[in-house]
């Protein structure tokens, strides 16, 4: 294998991990802010509601990243 192939695979895996965990970080920041402002208590949220929030954000991030990729491909020739 060529080192550039390894770098490309590493970049792909890294982007996948970022896509997977970034929504969880945003949920954590949002819940911390809401708890700080006393708008919500963590005891009021069930595990199912937290999983639902994570899945919704994961789908939204995936769509946003795909749209950015399509825009970059149209403007700069990425992915050709």
PDB file of N, CA and C in Angstrom:
ATOM      1  N   UNK A   1       0.825  -1.185   0.000  1.00  0.00           N
ATOM      2  CA  UNK A   1       0.000   0.000   0.000  1.00  0.00           C
ATOM      3  C   UNK A   1       0.862   1.239   0.000  1.00  0.00           C
ATOM      4  N   UNK A   2       0.361   2.236  -0.613  1.00  0.00           N
ATOM      5  CA  UNK A   2       1.055   3.515  -0.682  1.00  0.00           C
ATOM      6  C   UNK A   2       0.709   4.331   0.564  1.00  0.00           C
ATOM      7  N   UNK A   3       1.630   5.167   0.996  1.00  0.00           N
ATOM      8  CA  UNK A   3       1.377   5.976   2.192  1.00  0.00           C
ATOM      9  C   UNK A   3       0.256   6.985   1.961  1.00  0.00           C
ATOM     10  N   UNK A   4       0.061   7.435   0.717  1.00  0.00           N
ATOM     11  CA  UNK A   4      -1.042   8.362   0.443  1.00  0.00           C
ATOM     12  C   UNK A   4      -2.381   7.655   0.564  1.00  0.00           C
ATOM     13  N   UNK A   5      -2.431   6.338   0.234  1.00  0.00           N
ATOM     14  CA  UNK A   5      -3.659   5.569   0.423  1.00  0.00           C
ATOM     15  C   UNK A   5      -3.984   5.430   1.903  1.00  0.00           C
ATOM     16  N   UNK A   6      -2.937   5.188   2.717  1.00  0.00           N
ATOM     17  CA  UNK A   6      -3.137   5.085   4.155  1.00  0.00           C
ATOM     18  C   UNK A   6      -3.640   6.399   4.734  1.00  0.00           C
ATOM     19  N   UNK A   7      -3.090   7.504   4.255  1.00  0.00           N
ATOM     20  CA  UNK A   7      -3.523   8.815   4.729  1.00  0.00           C
ATOM     21  C   UNK A   7      -4.969   9.075   4.338  1.00  0.00           C
ATOM     22  N   UNK A   8      -5.343   8.681   3.139  1.00  0.00           N
ATOM     23  CA  UNK A   8      -6.729   8.858   2.697  1.00  0.00           C
ATOM     24  C   UNK A   8      -7.699   8.035   3.522  1.00  0.00           C
ATOM     25  N   UNK A   9      -7.323   6.797   3.859  1.00  0.00           N
ATOM     26  CA  UNK A   9      -8.170   5.962   4.699  1.00  0.00           C
ATOM     27  C   UNK A   9      -8.260   6.521   6.108  1.00  0.00           C
ATOM     28  N   UNK A  10      -7.127   6.994   6.618  1.00  0.00           N
ATOM     29  CA  UNK A  10      -7.126   7.589   7.961  1.00  0.00           C
ATOM     30  C   UNK A  10      -8.039   8.816   8.001  1.00  0.00           C
ATOM     31  N   UNK A  11      -7.968   9.650   6.961  1.00  0.00           N
ATOM     32  CA  UNK A  11      -8.811  10.848   6.896  1.00  0.00           C
ATOM     33  C   UNK A  11     -10.282  10.464   6.844  1.00  0.00           C
ATOM     34  N   UNK A  12     -10.612   9.445   6.075  1.00  0.00           N
ATOM     35  CA  UNK A  12     -11.995   8.994   5.979  1.00  0.00           C
ATOM     36  C   UNK A  12     -12.504   8.483   7.323  1.00  0.00           C
ATOM     37  N   UNK A  13     -11.692   7.700   8.011  1.00  0.00           N
ATOM     38  CA  UNK A  13     -12.081   7.184   9.320  1.00  0.00           C
ATOM     39  C   UNK A  13     -12.219   8.323  10.322  1.00  0.00           C
ATOM     40  N   UNK A  14     -11.298   9.265  10.279  1.00  0.00           N
ATOM     41  CA  UNK A  14     -11.358  10.403  11.191  1.00  0.00           C
ATOM     42  C   UNK A  14     -12.621  11.229  10.975  1.00  0.00           C
ATOM     43  N   UNK A  15     -12.973  11.482   9.722  1.00  0.00           N
ATOM     44  CA  UNK A  15     -14.210  12.217   9.435  1.00  0.00           C
ATOM     45  C   UNK A  15     -15.435  11.448   9.914  1.00  0.00           C
ATOM     46  N   UNK A  16     -15.427  10.141   9.754  1.00  0.00           N
ATOM     47  CA  UNK A  16     -16.534   9.327  10.244  1.00  0.00           C
ATOM     48  C   UNK A  16     -16.692   9.409  11.748  1.00  0.00           C
ATOM     49  N   UNK A  17     -15.579   9.380  12.465  1.00  0.00           N
ATOM     50  CA  UNK A  17     -15.618   9.477  13.926  1.00  0.00           C
ATOM     51  C   UNK A  17     -16.121  10.857  14.356  1.00  0.00           C
ATOM     52  N   UNK A  18     -15.676  11.896  13.664  1.00  0.00           N
ATOM     53  CA  UNK A  18     -16.143  13.254  13.987  1.00  0.00           C
ATOM     54  C   UNK A  18     -17.643  13.362  13.761  1.00  0.00           C
ATOM     55  N   UNK A  19     -18.121  12.830  12.636  1.00  0.00           N
ATOM     56  CA  UNK A  19     -19.556  12.858  12.347  1.00  0.00           C
ATOM     57  C   UNK A  19     -20.336  12.105  13.423  1.00  0.00           C
ATOM     58  N   UNK A  20     -19.754  11.021  13.931  1.00  0.00           N
ATOM     59  CA  UNK A  20     -20.437  10.204  14.919  1.00  0.00           C
ATOM     60  C   UNK A  20     -20.509  10.875  16.288  1.00  0.00           C
ATOM     61  N   UNK A  21     -19.435  11.542  16.715  1.00  0.00           N
ATOM     62  CA  UNK A  21     -19.379  12.064  18.073  1.00  0.00           C
ATOM     63  C   UNK A  21     -19.691  13.555  18.204  1.00  0.00           C
ATOM     64  N   UNK A  22     -19.663  14.309  17.138  1.00  0.00           N
ATOM     65  CA  UNK A  22     -19.938  15.734  17.237  1.00  0.00           C
ATOM     66  C   UNK A  22     -21.357  16.028  17.737  1.00  0.00           C
ATOM     67  N   UNK A  23     -22.381  15.318  17.269  1.00  0.00           N
ATOM     68  CA  UNK A  23     -23.718  15.567  17.831  1.00  0.00           C
ATOM     69  C   UNK A  23     -23.791  15.310  19.336  1.00  0.00           C
ATOM     70  N   UNK A  24     -23.077  14.301  19.813  1.00  0.00           N
ATOM     71  CA  UNK A  24     -23.081  14.021  21.252  1.00  0.00           C
ATOM     72  C   UNK A  24     -22.452  15.178  22.029  1.00  0.00           C
ATOM     73  N   UNK A  25     -21.392  15.771  21.476  1.00  0.00           N
ATOM     74  CA  UNK A  25     -20.782  16.924  22.141  1.00  0.00           C
ATOM     75  C   UNK A  25     -21.726  18.114  22.166  1.00  0.00           C
ATOM     76  N   UNK A  26     -22.416  18.352  21.060  1.00  0.00           N
ATOM     77  CA  UNK A  26     -23.368  19.461  21.028  1.00  0.00           C
ATOM     78  C   UNK A  26     -24.521  19.236  21.996  1.00  0.00           C
ATOM     79  N   UNK A  27     -24.996  17.998  22.116  1.00  0.00           N
ATOM     80  CA  UNK A  27     -26.043  17.711  23.091  1.00  0.00           C
ATOM     81  C   UNK A  27     -25.524  17.985  24.494  1.00  0.00           C
ATOM     82  N   UNK A  28     -24.289  17.573  24.765  1.00  0.00           N
ATOM     83  CA  UNK A  28     -23.709  17.827  26.080  1.00  0.00           C
ATOM     84  C   UNK A  28     -23.610  19.306  26.391  1.00  0.00           C
ATOM     85  N   UNK A  29     -23.146  20.101  25.414  1.00  0.00           N
ATOM     86  CA  UNK A  29     -23.074  21.553  25.626  1.00  0.00           C
ATOM     87  C   UNK A  29     -24.459  22.164  25.795  1.00  0.00           C
ATOM     88  N   UNK A  30     -25.418  21.709  24.993  1.00  0.00           N
ATOM     89  CA  UNK A  30     -26.774  22.255  25.091  1.00  0.00           C
ATOM     90  C   UNK A  30     -27.404  21.919  26.441  1.00  0.00           C
ATOM     91  N   UNK A  31     -27.239  20.682  26.893  1.00  0.00           N
ATOM     92  CA  UNK A  31     -27.798  20.303  28.189  1.00  0.00           C
ATOM     93  C   UNK A  31     -27.100  21.028  29.329  1.00  0.00           C
ATOM     94  N   UNK A  32     -25.801  21.225  29.221  1.00  0.00           N
ATOM     95  CA  UNK A  32     -25.085  21.975  30.258  1.00  0.00           C
ATOM     96  C   UNK A  32     -25.583  23.414  30.318  1.00  0.00           C
ATOM     97  N   UNK A  33     -25.792  24.028  29.154  1.00  0.00           N
ATOM     98  CA  UNK A  33     -26.297  25.393  29.130  1.00  0.00           C
ATOM     99  C   UNK A  33     -27.710  25.464  29.697  1.00  0.00           C
ATOM    100  N   UNK A  34     -28.573  24.524  29.303  1.00  0.00           N
ATOM    101  CA  UNK A  34     -29.944  24.525  29.817  1.00  0.00           C
ATOM    102  C   UNK A  34     -29.981  24.274  31.321  1.00  0.00           C
ATOM    103  N   UNK A  35     -29.090  23.426  31.801  1.00  0.00           N
ATOM    104  CA  UNK A  35     -29.046  23.186  33.238  1.00  0.00           C
ATOM    105  C   UNK A  35     -28.493  24.408  33.969  1.00  0.00           C
ATOM    106  N   UNK A  36     -27.532  25.095  33.370  1.00  0.00           N
ATOM    107  CA  UNK A  36     -26.972  26.302  33.967  1.00  0.00           C
ATOM    108  C   UNK A  36     -28.029  27.393  34.081  1.00  0.00           C
ATOM    109  N   UNK A  37     -28.882  27.515  33.057  1.00  0.00           N
ATOM    110  CA  UNK A  37     -29.941  28.523  33.086  1.00  0.00           C
ATOM    111  C   UNK A  37     -31.188  28.030  33.803  1.00  0.00           C
ATOM    112  N   UNK A  38     -31.106  26.814  34.347  1.00  0.00           N
ATOM    113  CA  UNK A  38     -32.197  26.190  35.094  1.00  0.00           C
ATOM    114  C   UNK A  38     -33.456  26.024  34.258  1.00  0.00           C
ATOM    115  N   UNK A  39     -33.301  25.846  32.952  1.00  0.00           N
ATOM    116  CA  UNK A  39     -34.443  25.623  32.069  1.00  0.00           C
ATOM    117  C   UNK A  39     -34.848  24.148  32.056  1.00  0.00           C
ATOM    118  N   UNK A  40     -33.916  23.269  32.351  1.00  0.00           N
ATOM    119  CA  UNK A  40     -34.213  21.840  32.354  1.00  0.00           C
ATOM    120  C   UNK A  40     -33.317  21.156  33.379  1.00  0.00           C
ATOM    121  N   UNK A  41     -33.846  20.133  34.001  1.00  0.00           N
ATOM    122  CA  UNK A  41     -33.061  19.305  34.909  1.00  0.00           C
ATOM    123  C   UNK A  41     -32.809  17.974  34.235  1.00  0.00           C
ATOM    124  N   UNK A  42     -31.617  17.436  34.411  1.00  0.00           N
ATOM    125  CA  UNK A  42     -31.294  16.158  33.769  1.00  0.00           C
ATOM    126  C   UNK A  42     -32.177  15.026  34.272  1.00  0.00           C
ATOM    127  N   UNK A  43     -32.735  15.170  35.478  1.00  0.00           N
ATOM    128  CA  UNK A  43     -33.622  14.127  35.992  1.00  0.00           C
ATOM    129  C   UNK A  43     -34.962  14.122  35.261  1.00  0.00           C
ATOM    130  N   UNK A  44     -35.286  15.222  34.566  1.00  0.00           N
ATOM    131  CA  UNK A  44     -36.541  15.289  33.815  1.00  0.00           C
ATOM    132  C   UNK A  44     -36.454  14.575  32.467  1.00  0.00           C
ATOM    133  N   UNK A  45     -35.242  14.324  31.980  1.00  0.00           N
ATOM    134  CA  UNK A  45     -35.064  13.705  30.676  1.00  0.00           C
ATOM    135  C   UNK A  45     -34.818  12.204  30.825  1.00  0.00           C
ATOM    136  N   UNK A  46     -35.532  11.424  30.031  1.00  0.00           N
ATOM    137  CA  UNK A  46     -35.328   9.981  30.060  1.00  0.00           C
ATOM    138  C   UNK A  46     -34.199   9.601  29.103  1.00  0.00           C
ATOM    139  N   UNK A  47     -33.744   8.387  29.226  1.00  0.00           N
ATOM    140  CA  UNK A  47     -32.692   7.893  28.335  1.00  0.00           C
ATOM    141  C   UNK A  47     -33.191   7.871  26.895  1.00  0.00           C
ATOM    142  N   UNK A  48     -34.444   7.506  26.698  1.00  0.00           N
ATOM    143  CA  UNK A  48     -35.004   7.462  25.354  1.00  0.00           C
ATOM    144  C   UNK A  48     -35.024   8.849  24.712  1.00  0.00           C
ATOM    145  N   UNK A  49     -35.323   9.879  25.491  1.00  0.00           N
ATOM    146  CA  UNK A  49     -35.309  11.244  24.949  1.00  0.00           C
ATOM    147  C   UNK A  49     -33.894  11.674  24.567  1.00  0.00           C
ATOM    148  N   UNK A  50     -32.899  11.294  25.356  1.00  0.00           N
ATOM    149  CA  UNK A  50     -31.517  11.630  25.022  1.00  0.00           C
ATOM    150  C   UNK A  50     -31.058  10.898  23.768  1.00  0.00           C
ATOM    151  N   UNK A  51     -31.430   9.640  23.608  1.00  0.00           N
ATOM    152  CA  UNK A  51     -31.083   8.889  22.405  1.00  0.00           C
ATOM    153  C   UNK A  51     -31.776   9.490  21.190  1.00  0.00           C
ATOM    154  N   UNK A  52     -33.027   9.890  21.354  1.00  0.00           N
ATOM    155  CA  UNK A  52     -33.765  10.528  20.259  1.00  0.00           C
ATOM    156  C   UNK A  52     -33.087  11.841  19.834  1.00  0.00           C
ATOM    157  N   UNK A  53     -32.677  12.650  20.790  1.00  0.00           N
ATOM    158  CA  UNK A  53     -31.965  13.885  20.468  1.00  0.00           C
ATOM    159  C   UNK A  53     -30.670  13.598  19.715  1.00  0.00           C
ATOM    160  N   UNK A  54     -29.936  12.577  20.160  1.00  0.00           N
ATOM    161  CA  UNK A  54     -28.685  12.222  19.505  1.00  0.00           C
ATOM    162  C   UNK A  54     -28.929  11.777  18.061  1.00  0.00           C
ATOM    163  N   UNK A  55     -29.923  10.932  17.842  1.00  0.00           N
ATOM    164  CA  UNK A  55     -30.197  10.436  16.497  1.00  0.00           C
ATOM    165  C   UNK A  55     -30.647  11.553  15.561  1.00  0.00           C
ATOM    166  N   UNK A  56     -31.468  12.463  16.065  1.00  0.00           N
ATOM    167  CA  UNK A  56     -31.907  13.598  15.249  1.00  0.00           C
ATOM    168  C   UNK A  56     -30.707  14.450  14.856  1.00  0.00           C
ATOM    169  N   UNK A  57     -29.836  14.752  15.805  1.00  0.00           N
ATOM    170  CA  UNK A  57     -28.658  15.562  15.489  1.00  0.00           C
ATOM    171  C   UNK A  57     -27.703  14.822  14.561  1.00  0.00           C
ATOM    172  N   UNK A  58     -27.575  13.510  14.714  1.00  0.00           N
ATOM    173  CA  UNK A  58     -26.709  12.733  13.837  1.00  0.00           C
ATOM    174  C   UNK A  58     -27.197  12.797  12.394  1.00  0.00           C
ATOM    175  N   UNK A  59     -28.492  12.663  12.193  1.00  0.00           N
ATOM    176  CA  UNK A  59     -29.056  12.753  10.840  1.00  0.00           C
ATOM    177  C   UNK A  59     -28.864  14.154  10.279  1.00  0.00           C
ATOM    178  N   UNK A  60     -29.134  15.174  11.082  1.00  0.00           N
ATOM    179  CA  UNK A  60     -28.975  16.548  10.609  1.00  0.00           C
ATOM    180  C   UNK A  60     -27.522  16.866  10.253  1.00  0.00           C
ATOM    181  N   UNK A  61     -26.571  16.404  11.057  1.00  0.00           N
ATOM    182  CA  UNK A  61     -25.164  16.622  10.740  1.00  0.00           C
ATOM    183  C   UNK A  61     -24.777  15.883   9.466  1.00  0.00           C
ATOM    184  N   UNK A  62     -25.268  14.662   9.310  1.00  0.00           N
ATOM    185  CA  UNK A  62     -24.978  13.909   8.094  1.00  0.00           C
ATOM    186  C   UNK A  62     -25.490  14.611   6.848  1.00  0.00           C
ATOM    187  N   UNK A  63     -26.713  15.123   6.912  1.00  0.00           N
ATOM    188  CA  UNK A  63     -27.285  15.857   5.776  1.00  0.00           C
ATOM    189  C   UNK A  63     -26.495  17.132   5.512  1.00  0.00           C
ATOM    190  N   UNK A  64     -26.143  17.852   6.557  1.00  0.00           N
ATOM    191  CA  UNK A  64     -25.399  19.100   6.382  1.00  0.00           C
ATOM    192  C   UNK A  64     -24.028  18.836   5.765  1.00  0.00           C
ATOM    193  N   UNK A  65     -23.349  17.798   6.202  1.00  0.00           N
ATOM    194  CA  UNK A  65     -22.041  17.481   5.651  1.00  0.00           C
ATOM    195  C   UNK A  65     -22.156  17.034   4.204  1.00  0.00           C
ATOM    196  N   UNK A  66     -23.197  16.269   3.877  1.00  0.00           N
ATOM    197  CA  UNK A  66     -23.403  15.864   2.492  1.00  0.00           C
ATOM    198  C   UNK A  66     -23.665  17.083   1.602  1.00  0.00           C
ATOM    199  N   UNK A  67     -24.481  18.009   2.083  1.00  0.00           N
ATOM    200  CA  UNK A  67     -24.759  19.216   1.297  1.00  0.00           C
ATOM    201  C   UNK A  67     -23.501  20.061   1.106  1.00  0.00           C
ATOM    202  N   UNK A  68     -22.673  20.158   2.141  1.00  0.00           N
ATOM    203  CA  UNK A  68     -21.403  20.878   2.000  1.00  0.00           C
ATOM    204  C   UNK A  68     -20.490  20.190   0.997  1.00  0.00           C
ATOM    205  N   UNK A  69     -20.483  18.869   1.004  1.00  0.00           N
ATOM    206  CA  UNK A  69     -19.677  18.121   0.042  1.00  0.00           C
ATOM    207  C   UNK A  69     -20.161  18.383  -1.379  1.00  0.00           C
ATOM    208  N   UNK A  70     -21.468  18.366  -1.580  1.00  0.00           N
ATOM    209  CA  UNK A  70     -22.024  18.613  -2.918  1.00  0.00           C
ATOM    210  C   UNK A  70     -21.715  20.043  -3.384  1.00  0.00           C
ATOM    211  N   UNK A  71     -21.801  20.993  -2.454  1.00  0.00           N
ATOM    212  CA  UNK A  71     -21.488  22.376  -2.790  1.00  0.00           C
ATOM    213  C   UNK A  71     -20.014  22.510  -3.150  1.00  0.00           C
ATOM    214  N   UNK A  72     -19.142  21.871  -2.399  1.00  0.00           N
ATOM    215  CA  UNK A  72     -17.710  21.924  -2.681  1.00  0.00           C
ATOM    216  C   UNK A  72     -17.409  21.246  -4.024  1.00  0.00           C
ATOM    217  N   UNK A  73     -18.107  20.163  -4.321  1.00  0.00           N
ATOM    218  CA  UNK A  73     -17.898  19.464  -5.587  1.00  0.00           C
ATOM    219  C   UNK A  73     -18.325  20.337  -6.752  1.00  0.00           C
ATOM    220  N   UNK A  74     -19.394  21.070  -6.569  1.00  0.00           N
ATOM    221  CA  UNK A  74     -19.889  21.940  -7.641  1.00  0.00           C
ATOM    222  C   UNK A  74     -18.971  23.142  -7.850  1.00  0.00           C
ATOM    223  N   UNK A  75     -18.474  23.711  -6.750  1.00  0.00           N
ATOM    224  CA  UNK A  75     -17.670  24.933  -6.854  1.00  0.00           C
ATOM    225  C   UNK A  75     -16.200  24.663  -7.118  1.00  0.00           C
ATOM    226  N   UNK A  76     -15.659  23.632  -6.474  1.00  0.00           N
ATOM    227  CA  UNK A  76     -14.212  23.457  -6.561  1.00  0.00           C
ATOM    228  C   UNK A  76     -13.746  22.191  -7.213  1.00  0.00           C
ATOM    229  N   UNK A  77     -14.633  21.374  -7.682  1.00  0.00           N
ATOM    230  CA  UNK A  77     -14.228  20.156  -8.343  1.00  0.00           C
ATOM    231  C   UNK A  77     -13.800  19.053  -7.384  1.00  0.00           C
ATOM    232  N   UNK A  78     -14.228  19.086  -6.138  1.00  0.00           N
ATOM    233  CA  UNK A  78     -13.889  18.048  -5.173  1.00  0.00           C
ATOM    234  C   UNK A  78     -14.699  16.808  -5.509  1.00  0.00           C
ATOM    235  N   UNK A  79     -14.083  15.651  -5.406  1.00  0.00           N
ATOM    236  CA  UNK A  79     -14.793  14.398  -5.616  1.00  0.00           C
ATOM    237  C   UNK A  79     -14.864  13.968  -7.063  1.00  0.00           C
ATOM    238  N   UNK A  80     -14.114  14.591  -7.925  1.00  0.00           N
ATOM    239  CA  UNK A  80     -14.144  14.192  -9.332  1.00  0.00           C
ATOM    240  C   UNK A  80     -13.141  13.118  -9.602  1.00  0.00           C
TER     241      UNK A  80
END
